[in-house]
PDB file of N, CA and C in Angstrom:
ATOM      1  N   MET A   1      -7.409   9.789  16.608  1.00  0.00           N
ATOM      2  CA  MET A   1      -7.572   8.654  16.483  1.00  0.00           C
ATOM      3  C   MET A   1      -8.477   8.265  15.387  1.00  0.00           C
ATOM      4  N   LEU A   2      -9.214   9.186  15.006  1.00  0.00           N
ATOM      5  CA  LEU A   2     -10.172   9.108  13.696  1.00  0.00           C
ATOM      6  C   LEU A   2      -9.147   9.195  12.461  1.00  0.00           C
ATOM      7  N   LEU A   3      -8.256  10.118  12.379  1.00  0.00           N
ATOM      8  CA  LEU A   3      -7.426  10.024  11.282  1.00  0.00           C
ATOM      9  C   LEU A   3      -6.561   8.823  11.102  1.00  0.00           C
ATOM     10  N   MET A   4      -6.118   8.180  12.368  1.00  0.00           N
ATOM     11  CA  MET A   4      -5.393   7.080  12.054  1.00  0.00           C
ATOM     12  C   MET A   4      -6.260   5.695  11.426  1.00  0.00           C
ATOM     13  N   CYS A   5      -7.781   5.868  12.000  1.00  0.00           N
ATOM     14  CA  CYS A   5      -8.590   4.803  11.406  1.00  0.00           C
ATOM     15  C   CYS A   5      -8.822   5.229   9.952  1.00  0.00           C
ATOM     16  N   ILE A   6      -8.824   6.274   9.327  1.00  0.00           N
ATOM     17  CA  ILE A   6      -8.965   6.659   8.118  1.00  0.00           C
ATOM     18  C   ILE A   6      -7.858   6.385   7.225  1.00  0.00           C
ATOM     19  N   PHE A   7      -6.646   6.410   7.904  1.00  0.00           N
ATOM     20  CA  PHE A   7      -5.360   6.211   7.111  1.00  0.00           C
ATOM     21  C   PHE A   7      -5.284   4.641   6.897  1.00  0.00           C
ATOM     22  N   ALA A   8      -5.601   3.989   8.033  1.00  0.00           N
ATOM     23  CA  ALA A   8      -5.649   2.438   7.966  1.00  0.00           C
ATOM     24  C   ALA A   8      -6.496   1.979   6.954  1.00  0.00           C
ATOM     25  N   LEU A   9      -7.824   2.374   6.765  1.00  0.00           N
ATOM     26  CA  LEU A   9      -8.731   2.209   5.821  1.00  0.00           C
ATOM     27  C   LEU A   9      -8.317   2.399   4.429  1.00  0.00           C
ATOM     28  N   ILE A  10      -7.739   3.563   4.163  1.00  0.00           N
ATOM     29  CA  ILE A  10      -7.275   3.744   2.863  1.00  0.00           C
ATOM     30  C   ILE A  10      -5.896   2.934   2.453  1.00  0.00           C
ATOM     31  N   ALA A  11      -4.959   2.761   3.511  1.00  0.00           N
ATOM     32  CA  ALA A  11      -3.939   1.780   3.168  1.00  0.00           C
ATOM     33  C   ALA A  11      -4.615   0.298   2.854  1.00  0.00           C
ATOM     34  N   HIS A  12      -5.788  -0.193   3.630  1.00  0.00           N
ATOM     35  CA  HIS A  12      -6.345  -1.439   3.175  1.00  0.00           C
ATOM     36  C   HIS A  12      -6.828  -1.339   1.879  1.00  0.00           C
ATOM     37  N   TRP A  13      -7.636  -0.264   1.465  1.00  0.00           N
ATOM     38  CA  TRP A  13      -8.180  -0.321  -0.027  1.00  0.00           C
ATOM     39  C   TRP A  13      -6.877  -0.426  -1.065  1.00  0.00           C
ATOM     40  N   LEU A  14      -5.924   0.338  -0.734  1.00  0.00           N
ATOM     41  CA  LEU A  14      -4.661   0.437  -1.593  1.00  0.00           C
ATOM     42  C   LEU A  14      -4.053  -0.782  -1.790  1.00  0.00           C
ATOM     43  N   ALA A  15      -3.981  -1.658  -0.554  1.00  0.00           N
ATOM     44  CA  ALA A  15      -3.391  -2.971  -0.501  1.00  0.00           C
ATOM     45  C   ALA A  15      -4.215  -3.881  -1.230  1.00  0.00           C
ATOM     46  N   CYS A  16      -5.504  -3.841  -1.281  1.00  0.00           N
ATOM     47  CA  CYS A  16      -6.399  -4.758  -2.028  1.00  0.00           C
ATOM     48  C   CYS A  16      -6.006  -4.470  -3.666  1.00  0.00           C
ATOM     49  N   ILE A  17      -5.939  -3.255  -3.849  1.00  0.00           N
ATOM     50  CA  ILE A  17      -5.647  -2.734  -5.267  1.00  0.00           C
ATOM     51  C   ILE A  17      -4.251  -3.407  -5.890  1.00  0.00           C
ATOM     52  N   TRP A  18      -3.312  -3.080  -4.914  1.00  0.00           N
ATOM     53  CA  TRP A  18      -1.909  -3.641  -5.138  1.00  0.00           C
ATOM     54  C   TRP A  18      -2.092  -5.162  -5.426  1.00  0.00           C
ATOM     55  N   TYR A  19      -2.837  -5.803  -4.636  1.00  0.00           N
ATOM     56  CA  TYR A  19      -2.804  -7.388  -4.744  1.00  0.00           C
ATOM     57  C   TYR A  19      -3.783  -7.624  -5.971  1.00  0.00           C
ATOM     58  N   ALA A  20      -4.770  -6.800  -6.339  1.00  0.00           N
ATOM     59  CA  ALA A  20      -5.407  -7.232  -7.586  1.00  0.00           C
ATOM     60  C   ALA A  20      -4.668  -6.942  -8.729  1.00  0.00           C
ATOM     61  N   ILE A  21      -3.762  -6.182  -8.761  1.00  0.00           N
ATOM     62  CA  ILE A  21      -3.021  -5.847  -9.942  1.00  0.00           C
ATOM     63  C   ILE A  21      -2.015  -6.933 -10.250  1.00  0.00           C
ATOM     64  N   GLY A  22      -1.427  -7.309  -9.079  1.00  0.00           N
ATOM     65  CA  GLY A  22      -0.461  -8.364  -9.250  1.00  0.00           C
ATOM     66  C   GLY A  22      -1.167  -9.612  -9.480  1.00  0.00           C
ATOM     67  N   ASN A  23      -2.334  -9.977  -9.069  1.00  0.00           N
ATOM     68  CA  ASN A  23      -3.101 -11.192  -9.356  1.00  0.00           C
ATOM     69  C   ASN A  23      -3.471 -11.401 -10.757  1.00  0.00           C
ATOM     70  N   VAL A  24      -3.983 -10.251 -11.430  1.00  0.00           N
ATOM     71  CA  VAL A  24      -4.453 -10.238 -12.687  1.00  0.00           C
ATOM     72  C   VAL A  24      -3.284 -10.288 -13.541  1.00  0.00           C
ATOM     73  N   GLU A  25      -2.282  -9.474 -13.344  1.00  0.00           N
ATOM     74  CA  GLU A  25      -1.025  -9.688 -14.277  1.00  0.00           C
ATOM     75  C   GLU A  25      -0.406 -10.988 -14.266  1.00  0.00           C
ATOM     76  N   ARG A  26      -0.430 -11.757 -13.255  1.00  0.00           N
ATOM     77  CA  ARG A  26       0.435 -12.974 -13.196  1.00  0.00           C
ATOM     78  C   ARG A  26      -0.061 -13.796 -14.311  1.00  0.00           C
ATOM     79  N   HIS A  27      -1.385 -13.800 -14.756  1.00  0.00           N
ATOM     80  CA  HIS A  27      -1.841 -14.874 -15.795  1.00  0.00           C
ATOM     81  C   HIS A  27      -1.443 -14.285 -17.165  1.00  0.00           C
ATOM     82  N   TYR A  28      -1.028 -13.144 -17.274  1.00  0.00           N
ATOM     83  CA  TYR A  28      -0.707 -12.513 -18.589  1.00  0.00           C
ATOM     84  C   TYR A  28       0.984 -12.293 -18.962  1.00  0.00           C
ATOM     85  N   LEU A  29       1.657 -12.362 -17.775  1.00  0.00           N
ATOM     86  CA  LEU A  29       3.106 -12.181 -17.879  1.00  0.00           C
ATOM     87  C   LEU A  29       3.808 -13.543 -18.327  1.00  0.00           C
ATOM     88  N   VAL A  30       4.646 -13.441 -19.406  1.00  0.00           N
ATOM     89  CA  VAL A  30       5.425 -14.601 -19.863  1.00  0.00           C
ATOM     90  C   VAL A  30       6.490 -14.772 -18.946  1.00  0.00           C
ATOM     91  N   HIS A  31       7.122 -13.777 -18.541  1.00  0.00           N
ATOM     92  CA  HIS A  31       8.239 -14.016 -17.398  1.00  0.00           C
ATOM     93  C   HIS A  31       7.651 -13.416 -16.143  1.00  0.00           C
ATOM     94  N   LYS A  32       7.549 -14.369 -15.359  1.00  0.00           N
ATOM     95  CA  LYS A  32       6.980 -14.224 -13.860  1.00  0.00           C
ATOM     96  C   LYS A  32       7.846 -13.279 -13.153  1.00  0.00           C
ATOM     97  N   ILE A  33       7.499 -11.845 -13.283  1.00  0.00           N
ATOM     98  CA  ILE A  33       8.369 -11.051 -12.741  1.00  0.00           C
ATOM     99  C   ILE A  33       7.497 -10.020 -11.586  1.00  0.00           C
ATOM    100  N   GLY A  34       6.265 -10.444 -11.490  1.00  0.00           N
ATOM    101  CA  GLY A  34       5.512  -9.546 -10.543  1.00  0.00           C
ATOM    102  C   GLY A  34       5.577  -9.774  -9.115  1.00  0.00           C
ATOM    103  N   TRP A  35       4.903  -8.788  -8.433  1.00  0.00           N
ATOM    104  CA  TRP A  35       5.474  -8.920  -6.946  1.00  0.00           C
ATOM    105  C   TRP A  35       4.987 -10.205  -6.155  1.00  0.00           C
ATOM    106  N   LEU A  36       3.760 -10.797  -6.901  1.00  0.00           N
ATOM    107  CA  LEU A  36       3.454 -11.903  -6.062  1.00  0.00           C
ATOM    108  C   LEU A  36       4.314 -13.303  -6.353  1.00  0.00           C
ATOM    109  N   ASP A  37       4.909 -13.152  -7.622  1.00  0.00           N
ATOM    110  CA  ASP A  37       5.813 -14.161  -7.891  1.00  0.00           C
ATOM    111  C   ASP A  37       6.971 -14.104  -7.107  1.00  0.00           C
ATOM    112  N   SER A  38       7.616 -12.809  -6.993  1.00  0.00           N
ATOM    113  CA  SER A  38       8.745 -12.500  -5.972  1.00  0.00           C
ATOM    114  C   SER A  38       8.485 -13.067  -4.633  1.00  0.00           C
ATOM    115  N   LEU A  39       7.243 -12.747  -4.011  1.00  0.00           N
ATOM    116  CA  LEU A  39       6.782 -13.217  -2.890  1.00  0.00           C
ATOM    117  C   LEU A  39       6.981 -14.669  -2.637  1.00  0.00           C
ATOM    118  N   GLY A  40       6.277 -15.539  -3.630  1.00  0.00           N
ATOM    119  CA  GLY A  40       6.389 -16.800  -3.867  1.00  0.00           C
ATOM    120  C   GLY A  40       7.725 -17.392  -3.599  1.00  0.00           C
ATOM    121  N   GLU A  41       8.581 -16.695  -4.416  1.00  0.00           N
ATOM    122  CA  GLU A  41      10.152 -17.255  -4.391  1.00  0.00           C
ATOM    123  C   GLU A  41      10.756 -16.909  -2.991  1.00  0.00           C
ATOM    124  N   GLN A  42      10.490 -15.684  -2.344  1.00  0.00           N
ATOM    125  CA  GLN A  42      11.098 -15.420  -1.034  1.00  0.00           C
ATOM    126  C   GLN A  42      10.536 -16.423  -0.040  1.00  0.00           C
ATOM    127  N   LEU A  43       9.411 -16.699  -0.100  1.00  0.00           N
ATOM    128  CA  LEU A  43       8.747 -17.490   0.961  1.00  0.00           C
ATOM    129  C   LEU A  43       8.983 -19.025   0.618  1.00  0.00           C
ATOM    130  N   GLY A  44       9.347 -19.477  -0.610  1.00  0.00           N
ATOM    131  CA  GLY A  44       9.653 -20.920  -0.940  1.00  0.00           C
ATOM    132  C   GLY A  44       8.194 -21.504  -1.262  1.00  0.00           C
ATOM    133  N   LYS A  45       7.190 -20.803  -1.630  1.00  0.00           N
ATOM    134  CA  LYS A  45       5.942 -21.180  -1.999  1.00  0.00           C
ATOM    135  C   LYS A  45       5.662 -20.849  -3.377  1.00  0.00           C
ATOM    136  N   HIS A  46       6.302 -21.633  -4.415  1.00  0.00           N
ATOM    137  CA  HIS A  46       6.021 -21.217  -5.813  1.00  0.00           C
ATOM    138  C   HIS A  46       4.873 -21.508  -6.183  1.00  0.00           C
ATOM    139  N   TYR A  47       4.531 -20.739  -7.239  1.00  0.00           N
ATOM    140  CA  TYR A  47       3.158 -21.025  -7.961  1.00  0.00           C
ATOM    141  C   TYR A  47       3.230 -22.109  -8.996  1.00  0.00           C
ATOM    142  N   ASN A  48       2.223 -23.054  -9.064  1.00  0.00           N
ATOM    143  CA  ASN A  48       2.262 -24.037  -9.899  1.00  0.00           C
ATOM    144  C   ASN A  48       1.045 -23.842 -10.819  1.00  0.00           C
ATOM    145  N   ARG A  49       1.213 -23.718 -12.227  1.00  0.00           N
ATOM    146  CA  ARG A  49      -0.007 -23.470 -13.328  1.00  0.00           C
ATOM    147  C   ARG A  49      -0.981 -24.473 -12.999  1.00  0.00           C
ATOM    148  N   SER A  50      -0.718 -25.815 -12.647  1.00  0.00           N
ATOM    149  CA  SER A  50      -1.648 -26.691 -12.722  1.00  0.00           C
ATOM    150  C   SER A  50      -2.447 -26.724 -11.251  1.00  0.00           C
ATOM    151  N   ASP A  51      -1.865 -26.180 -10.390  1.00  0.00           N
ATOM    152  CA  ASP A  51      -2.493 -26.167  -8.881  1.00  0.00           C
ATOM    153  C   ASP A  51      -2.914 -24.771  -8.616  1.00  0.00           C
ATOM    154  N   LEU A  52      -4.309 -24.255  -8.800  1.00  0.00           N
ATOM    155  CA  LEU A  52      -4.656 -22.975  -8.569  1.00  0.00           C
ATOM    156  C   LEU A  52      -4.338 -22.341  -7.198  1.00  0.00           C
ATOM    157  N   SER A  53      -4.199 -23.331  -6.215  1.00  0.00           N
ATOM    158  CA  SER A  53      -4.139 -22.962  -4.778  1.00  0.00           C
ATOM    159  C   SER A  53      -2.829 -22.793  -4.453  1.00  0.00           C
ATOM    160  N   SER A  54      -1.766 -23.039  -5.370  1.00  0.00           N
ATOM    161  CA  SER A  54      -0.302 -22.989  -5.042  1.00  0.00           C
ATOM    162  C   SER A  54       0.026 -21.517  -4.766  1.00  0.00           C
ATOM    163  N   GLY A  55       1.250 -21.277  -4.166  1.00  0.00           N
ATOM    164  CA  GLY A  55       1.736 -20.006  -4.076  1.00  0.00           C
ATOM    165  C   GLY A  55       1.412 -19.651  -2.528  1.00  0.00           C
ATOM    166  N   PRO A  56       1.852 -18.329  -2.204  1.00  0.00           N
ATOM    167  CA  PRO A  56       1.909 -18.054  -0.882  1.00  0.00           C
ATOM    168  C   PRO A  56       0.283 -18.009  -0.261  1.00  0.00           C
ATOM    169  N   SER A  57       0.269 -18.082   0.775  1.00  0.00           N
ATOM    170  CA  SER A  57      -1.230 -18.124   1.463  1.00  0.00           C
ATOM    171  C   SER A  57      -1.853 -16.530   1.355  1.00  0.00           C
ATOM    172  N   ILE A  58      -3.038 -16.695   1.472  1.00  0.00           N
ATOM    173  CA  ILE A  58      -3.920 -15.259   1.393  1.00  0.00           C
ATOM    174  C   ILE A  58      -3.373 -14.419   2.377  1.00  0.00           C
ATOM    175  N   LYS A  59      -3.147 -14.886   3.718  1.00  0.00           N
ATOM    176  CA  LYS A  59      -2.624 -13.912   4.762  1.00  0.00           C
ATOM    177  C   LYS A  59      -1.190 -13.348   4.438  1.00  0.00           C
ATOM    178  N   ASP A  60      -0.292 -14.329   3.804  1.00  0.00           N
ATOM    179  CA  ASP A  60       1.010 -13.735   3.328  1.00  0.00           C
ATOM    180  C   ASP A  60       0.852 -12.790   2.296  1.00  0.00           C
ATOM    181  N   LYS A  61      -0.002 -12.880   1.505  1.00  0.00           N
ATOM    182  CA  LYS A  61      -0.374 -11.899   0.321  1.00  0.00           C
ATOM    183  C   LYS A  61      -0.780 -10.499   0.868  1.00  0.00           C
ATOM    184  N   TYR A  62      -1.872 -10.679   1.947  1.00  0.00           N
ATOM    185  CA  TYR A  62      -2.507  -9.400   2.409  1.00  0.00           C
ATOM    186  C   TYR A  62      -1.595  -8.724   3.392  1.00  0.00           C
ATOM    187  N   VAL A  63      -0.838  -9.444   4.062  1.00  0.00           N
ATOM    188  CA  VAL A  63       0.133  -8.890   5.243  1.00  0.00           C
ATOM    189  C   VAL A  63       1.177  -8.020   4.337  1.00  0.00           C
ATOM    190  N   THR A  64       1.772  -8.889   3.230  1.00  0.00           N
ATOM    191  CA  THR A  64       2.802  -8.095   2.366  1.00  0.00           C
ATOM    192  C   THR A  64       2.291  -6.791   1.757  1.00  0.00           C
ATOM    193  N   ALA A  65       1.049  -6.900   1.198  1.00  0.00           N
ATOM    194  CA  ALA A  65       0.447  -5.865   0.474  1.00  0.00           C
ATOM    195  C   ALA A  65       0.117  -4.592   1.307  1.00  0.00           C
ATOM    196  N   LEU A  66      -0.445  -5.072   2.471  1.00  0.00           N
ATOM    197  CA  LEU A  66      -0.493  -3.837   3.207  1.00  0.00           C
ATOM    198  C   LEU A  66       0.840  -3.301   3.911  1.00  0.00           C
ATOM    199  N   TYR A  67       1.653  -4.098   3.971  1.00  0.00           N
ATOM    200  CA  TYR A  67       3.072  -3.663   4.486  1.00  0.00           C
ATOM    201  C   TYR A  67       3.318  -2.524   3.390  1.00  0.00           C
ATOM    202  N   PHE A  68       3.482  -3.188   2.183  1.00  0.00           N
ATOM    203  CA  PHE A  68       3.888  -2.246   1.024  1.00  0.00           C
ATOM    204  C   PHE A  68       3.173  -0.954   0.931  1.00  0.00           C
ATOM    205  N   THR A  69       1.816  -1.038   1.003  1.00  0.00           N
ATOM    206  CA  THR A  69       1.196   0.362   1.092  1.00  0.00           C
ATOM    207  C   THR A  69       1.596   1.281   2.211  1.00  0.00           C
ATOM    208  N   PHE A  70       1.568   0.772   3.468  1.00  0.00           N
ATOM    209  CA  PHE A  70       1.837   1.524   4.760  1.00  0.00           C
ATOM    210  C   PHE A  70       3.393   2.054   4.462  1.00  0.00           C
ATOM    211  N   SER A  71       4.401   1.360   3.776  1.00  0.00           N
ATOM    212  CA  SER A  71       5.856   1.887   3.893  1.00  0.00           C
ATOM    213  C   SER A  71       5.735   2.771   2.671  1.00  0.00           C
ATOM    214  N   SER A  72       4.979   2.668   1.717  1.00  0.00           N
ATOM    215  CA  SER A  72       4.874   3.667   0.485  1.00  0.00           C
ATOM    216  C   SER A  72       4.175   4.938   0.844  1.00  0.00           C
ATOM    217  N   LEU A  73       3.050   4.750   1.685  1.00  0.00           N
ATOM    218  CA  LEU A  73       2.466   6.082   2.102  1.00  0.00           C
ATOM    219  C   LEU A  73       3.211   6.763   3.281  1.00  0.00           C
ATOM    220  N   THR A  74       3.927   6.125   3.958  1.00  0.00           N
ATOM    221  CA  THR A  74       4.601   6.761   5.010  1.00  0.00           C
ATOM    222  C   THR A  74       5.984   7.335   4.758  1.00  0.00           C
ATOM    223  N   SER A  75       6.566   6.528   3.635  1.00  0.00           N
ATOM    224  CA  SER A  75       8.059   6.901   3.302  1.00  0.00           C
ATOM    225  C   SER A  75       8.061   6.704   1.635  1.00  0.00           C
ATOM    226  N   VAL A  76       9.238   6.166   1.360  1.00  0.00           N
ATOM    227  CA  VAL A  76       9.425   5.942  -0.104  1.00  0.00           C
ATOM    228  C   VAL A  76       9.721   4.306  -0.076  1.00  0.00           C
ATOM    229  N   GLY A  77       9.247   3.537   0.833  1.00  0.00           N
ATOM    230  CA  GLY A  77       9.428   2.214   0.768  1.00  0.00           C
ATOM    231  C   GLY A  77      10.785   1.785   1.319  1.00  0.00           C
ATOM    232  N   PHE A  78      10.790   0.408   1.529  1.00  0.00           N
ATOM    233  CA  PHE A  78      12.228  -0.013   1.992  1.00  0.00           C
ATOM    234  C   PHE A  78      12.923  -1.083   0.793  1.00  0.00           C
ATOM    235  N   GLY A  79      12.102  -1.387  -0.177  1.00  0.00           N
ATOM    236  CA  GLY A  79      12.665  -1.929  -1.229  1.00  0.00           C
ATOM    237  C   GLY A  79      12.535  -3.496  -1.377  1.00  0.00           C
ATOM    238  N   ASN A  80      12.103  -3.953  -0.024  1.00  0.00           N
ATOM    239  CA  ASN A  80      12.141  -5.671  -0.044  1.00  0.00           C
ATOM    240  C   ASN A  80      10.886  -6.131  -0.851  1.00  0.00           C
ATOM    241  N   VAL A  81       9.952  -5.161  -0.899  1.00  0.00           N
ATOM    242  CA  VAL A  81       8.627  -5.386  -1.755  1.00  0.00           C
ATOM    243  C   VAL A  81       8.597  -4.334  -2.784  1.00  0.00           C
ATOM    244  N   SER A  82       8.860  -4.695  -4.001  1.00  0.00           N
ATOM    245  CA  SER A  82       8.967  -3.602  -4.866  1.00  0.00           C
ATOM    246  C   SER A  82       8.140  -3.972  -6.180  1.00  0.00           C
ATOM    247  N   PRO A  83       7.720  -2.734  -6.721  1.00  0.00           N
ATOM    248  CA  PRO A  83       6.971  -2.755  -8.169  1.00  0.00           C
ATOM    249  C   PRO A  83       8.017  -3.515  -9.186  1.00  0.00           C
ATOM    250  N   ASN A  84       7.580  -4.431 -10.132  1.00  0.00           N
ATOM    251  CA  ASN A  84       8.376  -4.870 -11.065  1.00  0.00           C
ATOM    252  C   ASN A  84       8.090  -4.646 -12.531  1.00  0.00           C
ATOM    253  N   THR A  85       6.350  -4.711 -12.639  1.00  0.00           N
ATOM    254  CA  THR A  85       6.037  -4.551 -13.763  1.00  0.00           C
ATOM    255  C   THR A  85       5.283  -2.964 -14.096  1.00  0.00           C
ATOM    256  N   ASN A  86       5.114  -2.505 -15.328  1.00  0.00           N
ATOM    257  CA  ASN A  86       4.806  -1.233 -15.410  1.00  0.00           C
ATOM    258  C   ASN A  86       3.563  -0.782 -14.696  1.00  0.00           C
ATOM    259  N   SER A  87       2.419  -1.717 -14.661  1.00  0.00           N
ATOM    260  CA  SER A  87       1.267  -1.338 -13.908  1.00  0.00           C
ATOM    261  C   SER A  87       1.522  -1.201 -12.575  1.00  0.00           C
ATOM    262  N   GLU A  88       2.330  -2.197 -11.894  1.00  0.00           N
ATOM    263  CA  GLU A  88       2.767  -2.029 -10.329  1.00  0.00           C
ATOM    264  C   GLU A  88       3.634  -0.718 -10.235  1.00  0.00           C
ATOM    265  N   LYS A  89       4.566  -0.352 -11.050  1.00  0.00           N
ATOM    266  CA  LYS A  89       5.111   0.959 -10.833  1.00  0.00           C
ATOM    267  C   LYS A  89       4.312   1.955 -10.938  1.00  0.00           C
ATOM    268  N   ILE A  90       3.310   2.079 -11.832  1.00  0.00           N
ATOM    269  CA  ILE A  90       2.394   3.356 -12.069  1.00  0.00           C
ATOM    270  C   ILE A  90       1.436   3.402 -10.709  1.00  0.00           C
ATOM    271  N   PHE A  91       1.072   2.249 -10.194  1.00  0.00           N
ATOM    272  CA  PHE A  91       0.261   2.097  -9.112  1.00  0.00           C
ATOM    273  C   PHE A  91       1.368   2.764  -7.762  1.00  0.00           C
ATOM    274  N   SER A  92       2.502   2.437  -7.837  1.00  0.00           N
ATOM    275  CA  SER A  92       3.238   2.777  -6.811  1.00  0.00           C
ATOM    276  C   SER A  92       3.451   4.172  -6.613  1.00  0.00           C
ATOM    277  N   ILE A  93       3.566   4.909  -7.946  1.00  0.00           N
ATOM    278  CA  ILE A  93       3.820   6.343  -8.166  1.00  0.00           C
ATOM    279  C   ILE A  93       2.554   6.998  -7.507  1.00  0.00           C
ATOM    280  N   CYS A  94       1.420   6.540  -7.789  1.00  0.00           N
ATOM    281  CA  CYS A  94       0.177   7.140  -7.181  1.00  0.00           C
ATOM    282  C   CYS A  94       0.109   7.024  -5.775  1.00  0.00           C
ATOM    283  N   VAL A  95       0.478   5.643  -5.198  1.00  0.00           N
ATOM    284  CA  VAL A  95       0.499   5.771  -3.663  1.00  0.00           C
ATOM    285  C   VAL A  95       1.446   6.697  -3.244  1.00  0.00           C
ATOM    286  N   MET A  96       2.662   6.809  -3.780  1.00  0.00           N
ATOM    287  CA  MET A  96       3.590   7.665  -3.207  1.00  0.00           C
ATOM    288  C   MET A  96       2.988   9.111  -3.426  1.00  0.00           C
ATOM    289  N   LEU A  97       2.380   9.568  -4.264  1.00  0.00           N
ATOM    290  CA  LEU A  97       1.677  10.843  -4.425  1.00  0.00           C
ATOM    291  C   LEU A  97       0.522  11.132  -3.245  1.00  0.00           C
ATOM    292  N   ILE A  98       0.020  10.222  -3.072  1.00  0.00           N
ATOM    293  CA  ILE A  98      -1.135  10.242  -1.931  1.00  0.00           C
ATOM    294  C   ILE A  98      -0.522  10.323  -0.605  1.00  0.00           C
ATOM    295  N   GLY A  99       0.691   9.698  -0.535  1.00  0.00           N
ATOM    296  CA  GLY A  99       1.303   9.533   0.597  1.00  0.00           C
ATOM    297  C   GLY A  99       2.000  10.986   1.055  1.00  0.00           C
ATOM    298  N   CYS A 100       2.427  11.579  -0.045  1.00  0.00           N
ATOM    299  CA  CYS A 100       3.101  13.053   0.295  1.00  0.00           C
ATOM    300  C   CYS A 100       2.237  14.020   0.563  1.00  0.00           C
ATOM    301  N   CYS A 101       0.967  13.733  -0.291  1.00  0.00           N
ATOM    302  CA  CYS A 101      -0.153  14.941   0.118  1.00  0.00           C
ATOM    303  C   CYS A 101      -0.864  14.611   1.529  1.00  0.00           C
ATOM    304  N   SER A 102      -0.940  13.524   1.934  1.00  0.00           N
ATOM    305  CA  SER A 102      -1.610  13.148   3.316  1.00  0.00           C
ATOM    306  C   SER A 102      -1.082  13.929   4.574  1.00  0.00           C
ATOM    307  N   PRO A 103       0.344  13.937   4.723  1.00  0.00           N
ATOM    308  CA  PRO A 103       0.810  14.710   5.849  1.00  0.00           C
ATOM    309  C   PRO A 103       0.491  16.215   5.925  1.00  0.00           C
ATOM    310  N   ARG A 104       0.679  16.598   4.625  1.00  0.00           N
ATOM    311  CA  ARG A 104       0.314  18.147   4.394  1.00  0.00           C
ATOM    312  C   ARG A 104      -1.165  18.439   4.820  1.00  0.00           C
ATOM    313  N   HIS A 105      -2.008  17.602   4.539  1.00  0.00           N
ATOM    314  CA  HIS A 105      -3.293  17.750   4.706  1.00  0.00           C
ATOM    315  C   HIS A 105      -3.627  17.713   6.149  1.00  0.00           C
ATOM    316  N   THR A 106      -3.014  16.355   6.815  1.00  0.00           N
ATOM    317  CA  THR A 106      -3.082  16.322   8.239  1.00  0.00           C
ATOM    318  C   THR A 106      -2.575  17.558   9.007  1.00  0.00           C
ATOM    319  N   TYR A 107      -1.463  17.825   8.760  1.00  0.00           N
ATOM    320  CA  TYR A 107      -0.742  19.251   9.408  1.00  0.00           C
ATOM    321  C   TYR A 107      -1.755  20.346   9.152  1.00  0.00           C
ATOM    322  N   GLN A 108      -2.249  20.688   7.978  1.00  0.00           N
ATOM    323  CA  GLN A 108      -3.120  21.636   7.835  1.00  0.00           C
ATOM    324  C   GLN A 108      -4.356  21.674   8.833  1.00  0.00           C
ATOM    325  N   ASN A 109      -4.980  20.695   9.025  1.00  0.00           N
ATOM    326  CA  ASN A 109      -6.201  20.308   9.867  1.00  0.00           C
ATOM    327  C   ASN A 109      -5.700  20.634  11.322  1.00  0.00           C
ATOM    328  N   THR A 110      -4.572  20.104  11.821  1.00  0.00           N
ATOM    329  CA  THR A 110      -4.057  20.181  13.087  1.00  0.00           C
ATOM    330  C   THR A 110      -3.954  21.685  13.532  1.00  0.00           C
ATOM    331  N   VAL A 111      -3.262  22.413  12.300  1.00  0.00           N
ATOM    332  CA  VAL A 111      -3.254  23.764  12.629  1.00  0.00           C
ATOM    333  C   VAL A 111      -4.366  24.698  12.649  1.00  0.00           C
ATOM    334  N   ARG A 112      -5.242  24.171  11.837  1.00  0.00           N
ATOM    335  CA  ARG A 112      -6.616  24.915  11.777  1.00  0.00           C
ATOM    336  C   ARG A 112      -7.272  24.643  13.275  1.00  0.00           C
ATOM    337  N   VAL A 113      -7.309  23.385  13.610  1.00  0.00           N
ATOM    338  CA  VAL A 113      -7.888  23.037  15.093  1.00  0.00           C
ATOM    339  C   VAL A 113      -7.420  23.751  16.111  1.00  0.00           C
ATOM    340  N   THR A 114      -5.967  23.780  15.951  1.00  0.00           N
ATOM    341  CA  THR A 114      -5.290  24.483  17.250  1.00  0.00           C
ATOM    342  C   THR A 114      -5.612  25.978  17.140  1.00  0.00           C
ATOM    343  N   SER A 115      -5.511  26.455  15.982  1.00  0.00           N
ATOM    344  CA  SER A 115      -5.954  28.035  15.943  1.00  0.00           C
ATOM    345  C   SER A 115      -7.343  28.424  16.171  1.00  0.00           C
ATOM    346  N   GLU A 116      -8.311  27.487  15.915  1.00  0.00           N
ATOM    347  CA  GLU A 116      -9.575  27.726  16.436  1.00  0.00           C
ATOM    348  C   GLU A 116      -9.855  27.556  17.996  1.00  0.00           C
ATOM    349  N   GLU A 117      -9.080  26.764  18.533  1.00  0.00           N
ATOM    350  CA  GLU A 117      -9.017  26.580  20.010  1.00  0.00           C
ATOM    351  C   GLU A 117      -8.327  27.561  20.564  1.00  0.00           C
ATOM    352  N   ASN A 118      -7.362  28.257  20.048  1.00  0.00           N
ATOM    353  CA  ASN A 118      -6.655  29.529  20.603  1.00  0.00           C
ATOM    354  C   ASN A 118      -7.472  30.674  20.622  1.00  0.00           C
ATOM    355  N   ALA A 119      -8.361  30.751  19.322  1.00  0.00           N
ATOM    356  CA  ALA A 119      -9.290  31.943  19.212  1.00  0.00           C
ATOM    357  C   ALA A 119     -10.255  31.864  20.130  1.00  0.00           C
ATOM    358  N   GLN A 120     -10.791  30.623  20.549  1.00  0.00           N
ATOM    359  CA  GLN A 120     -11.965  30.482  21.602  1.00  0.00           C
ATOM    360  C   GLN A 120     -11.334  30.799  22.880  1.00  0.00           C
ATOM    361  N   ASP A 121     -10.160  30.376  23.161  1.00  0.00           N
ATOM    362  CA  ASP A 121      -9.584  30.761  24.458  1.00  0.00           C
ATOM    363  C   ASP A 121      -9.355  32.381  24.683  1.00  0.00           C
ATOM    364  N   ASP A 122      -8.991  32.949  23.521  1.00  0.00           N
ATOM    365  CA  ASP A 122      -8.737  34.302  23.572  1.00  0.00           C
ATOM    366  C   ASP A 122      -9.978  35.200  23.745  1.00  0.00           C
ATOM    367  N   ALA A 123     -11.123  34.773  23.262  1.00  0.00           N
ATOM    368  CA  ALA A 123     -12.502  35.294  23.242  1.00  0.00           C
ATOM    369  C   ALA A 123     -12.894  35.214  24.706  1.00  0.00           C
ATOM    370  N   MET A 124     -12.622  34.171  25.478  1.00  0.00           N
ATOM    371  CA  MET A 124     -13.106  33.946  26.720  1.00  0.00           C
ATOM    372  C   MET A 124     -12.330  34.884  27.763  1.00  0.00           C
TER     373      MET A 124
END
């Protein structure tokens, strides 16, 4: 249970970073190709430069960012939320690297705990 909570917390942090990258880049991109603009188009909630509250709701952004990080950490993603800018792609590569190392670490801890329990049973 503890590992699952830690995993969810890490996914939350990564989702916040994923959102921050998209949000910061939105203002500097000439062609609106970032994941937030793609999300706005998919949901029919387009961004308007004169209205800062336009675009997808914060709930839509957070759920989509969390979905992206969970799918990237546990597999290679599904492609429906994809990195389009170089910064998004670099971040995605880092998330995938974290994801590929996490199962190995979890497996090693499980084997260690199991072997320690077996050693204690053998000692009795």
